[in-house]
Protein backbone atom coordinates (compact mmCIF):
# COMPACT_ATOMS: atom_id res chain seq x y z
CA UNK A 1 -10.39 4.59 7.38
CA UNK A 2 -6.96 4.58 5.75
CA UNK A 3 -5.73 8.30 5.26
CA UNK A 4 -3.85 8.49 1.81
CA UNK A 5 -0.41 9.51 1.94
CA UNK A 6 1.34 10.75 -0.91
CA UNK A 7 4.80 9.81 -1.20
CA UNK A 8 7.54 10.95 -3.54
CA UNK A 9 9.74 8.45 -5.48
CA UNK A 10 12.66 9.02 -2.66
CA UNK A 11 10.29 8.34 0.04
CA UNK A 12 9.12 5.04 -1.83
CA UNK A 13 12.59 3.94 -2.08
CA UNK A 14 13.20 4.87 1.84
CA UNK A 15 10.06 2.95 2.90
CA UNK A 16 11.15 0.07 0.83
CA UNK A 17 14.64 0.24 2.35
CA UNK A 18 13.02 0.31 5.76
CA UNK A 19 10.96 -2.64 5.05
CA UNK A 20 13.86 -4.54 3.88
CA UNK A 21 15.88 -3.58 7.10
CA UNK A 22 13.04 -4.72 9.34
CA UNK A 23 12.48 -7.77 7.42
CA UNK A 24 16.10 -8.95 7.85
CA UNK A 25 16.08 -8.25 11.53
CA UNK A 26 18.31 -10.87 13.29
CA UNK A 27 17.07 -13.67 15.13
CA UNK A 28 18.48 -12.19 18.46
CA UNK A 29 16.68 -8.83 17.64
CA UNK A 30 13.21 -10.91 17.11
CA UNK A 31 13.73 -12.89 20.21
CA UNK A 32 14.50 -10.01 22.66
CA UNK A 33 11.61 -8.14 21.31
CA UNK A 34 9.30 -11.20 22.18
CA UNK A 35 10.98 -11.22 25.47
CA UNK A 36 10.17 -7.67 26.18
CA UNK A 37 6.49 -8.29 25.33
CA UNK A 38 6.17 -11.25 27.66
CA UNK A 39 8.05 -9.48 30.37
CA UNK A 40 5.86 -8.78 33.68
CA UNK A 41 4.34 -5.30 33.20
CA UNK A 42 4.47 -5.41 29.55
CA UNK A 43 6.00 -2.76 27.16
CA UNK A 44 7.11 0.60 28.43
CA UNK A 45 5.19 3.56 26.92
CA UNK A 46 8.28 4.61 24.72
CA UNK A 47 8.49 0.73 23.69
CA UNK A 48 4.95 0.75 22.69
CA UNK A 49 5.27 3.94 20.70
CA UNK A 50 8.14 2.21 18.67
CA UNK A 51 6.00 -0.75 18.28
CA UNK A 52 3.02 1.23 16.85
CA UNK A 53 5.33 3.38 14.51
CA UNK A 54 6.94 0.03 13.34
CA UNK A 55 3.23 -1.30 12.56
CA UNK A 56 2.48 1.79 10.85
CA UNK A 57 5.64 1.68 8.72
CA UNK A 58 4.64 -2.04 7.83
CA UNK A 59 1.22 -0.90 6.61
CA UNK A 60 2.66 1.81 4.62
CA UNK A 61 5.03 -0.42 3.13
CA UNK A 62 2.60 -3.03 2.22
CA UNK A 63 0.49 -0.31 0.48
CA UNK A 64 3.42 0.71 -1.54
CA UNK A 65 4.16 -2.86 -2.55
CA UNK A 66 0.41 -3.23 -3.53
CA UNK A 67 0.54 -0.08 -5.57
CA UNK A 68 3.58 -1.14 -7.21
CA UNK A 69 2.49 -4.48 -8.24
CA UNK A 70 -0.84 -2.77 -9.65
CA UNK A 71 -1.08 -3.28 -13.58
CA UNK A 72 -2.91 0.21 -13.81
CA UNK A 73 -0.41 2.00 -11.83
CA UNK A 74 2.43 0.55 -13.89
CA UNK A 75 0.67 1.30 -17.19
CA UNK A 76 0.06 4.98 -16.35
CA UNK A 77 3.86 5.51 -17.04
CA UNK A 78 3.14 4.87 -20.65
CA UNK A 79 1.47 8.43 -20.98
CA UNK A 80 3.65 10.98 -21.54
CA UNK A 81 4.61 13.38 -18.77
CA UNK A 82 2.61 11.12 -16.42
CA UNK A 83 3.74 11.74 -12.62
CA UNK A 84 3.45 9.49 -9.66
CA UNK A 85 0.98 11.37 -7.89
CA UNK A 86 -1.54 11.29 -11.04
CA UNK A 87 -0.86 7.47 -11.20
CA UNK A 88 -1.64 6.86 -7.70
CA UNK A 89 -4.97 8.94 -7.93
CA UNK A 90 -5.63 6.89 -11.00
CA UNK A 91 -4.95 3.53 -9.35
CA UNK A 92 -6.88 4.62 -6.13
CA UNK A 93 -9.93 5.59 -8.24
CA UNK A 94 -9.81 2.10 -9.67
CA UNK A 95 -9.53 0.35 -6.33
CA UNK A 96 -12.42 2.35 -4.97
CA UNK A 97 -14.58 1.28 -7.87
CA UNK A 98 -13.75 -2.50 -7.41
CA UNK A 99 -14.24 -2.23 -3.81
CA UNK A 100 -17.82 -0.45 -4.50
CA UNK A 101 -18.71 -3.22 -7.11
CA UNK A 102 -19.63 -5.94 -4.59
CA UNK A 103 -22.40 -3.58 -3.39
CA UNK A 104 -24.03 -3.06 -6.80
CA UNK A 105 -26.49 -5.84 -7.65
CA UNK A 106 -25.32 -7.87 -10.58
CA UNK A 107 -28.41 -6.58 -12.85
CA UNK A 108 -27.25 -2.93 -12.42
CA UNK A 109 -23.92 -3.34 -13.19
CA UNK A 110 -24.29 -3.19 -17.04
CA UNK A 111 -21.93 -6.22 -17.52
CA UNK A 112 -19.19 -5.02 -15.69
CA UNK A 113 -17.20 -7.52 -13.28
CA UNK A 114 -14.11 -5.72 -12.90
CA UNK A 115 -12.27 -2.44 -13.82
CA UNK A 116 -8.80 -3.15 -14.74
CA UNK A 117 -9.49 -3.95 -18.34
CA UNK A 118 -11.40 -0.40 -18.58
CA UNK A 119 -8.52 1.70 -16.92
CA UNK A 120 -6.15 -0.05 -19.26
CA UNK A 121 -8.08 0.64 -22.26
CA UNK A 122 -8.30 4.33 -21.15
CA UNK A 123 -4.47 4.38 -20.60
CA UNK A 124 -3.42 2.84 -24.00
CA UNK A 125 -5.98 4.62 -25.90
CA UNK A 126 -5.09 8.15 -24.56
């Protein structure tokens, strides 16, 4: 299960910068990392720890990117005094409902096939 991590605007920027730095890693850096993995005996514990941290950072960065592209999240900031934490909660609520929707039989959905339009309507009417 993915544990929700609340990030400030500064932390979001730092995560994005880390992602860009990792993405732009030189060819030499990538090839030497591949050589270490292929070496007899595998990775040392410290190297494995660094690899796990990098994987976790990538997962966080992807979650942030997904959130920043979400139309409900972006529209939340049209509400006066909206803060990042509340916008994230609204967006995660919408996402949870969308993830739950396929589990509900069609005849019990009341005509609902998606939640974006409902949340956008709530936001723009507020």
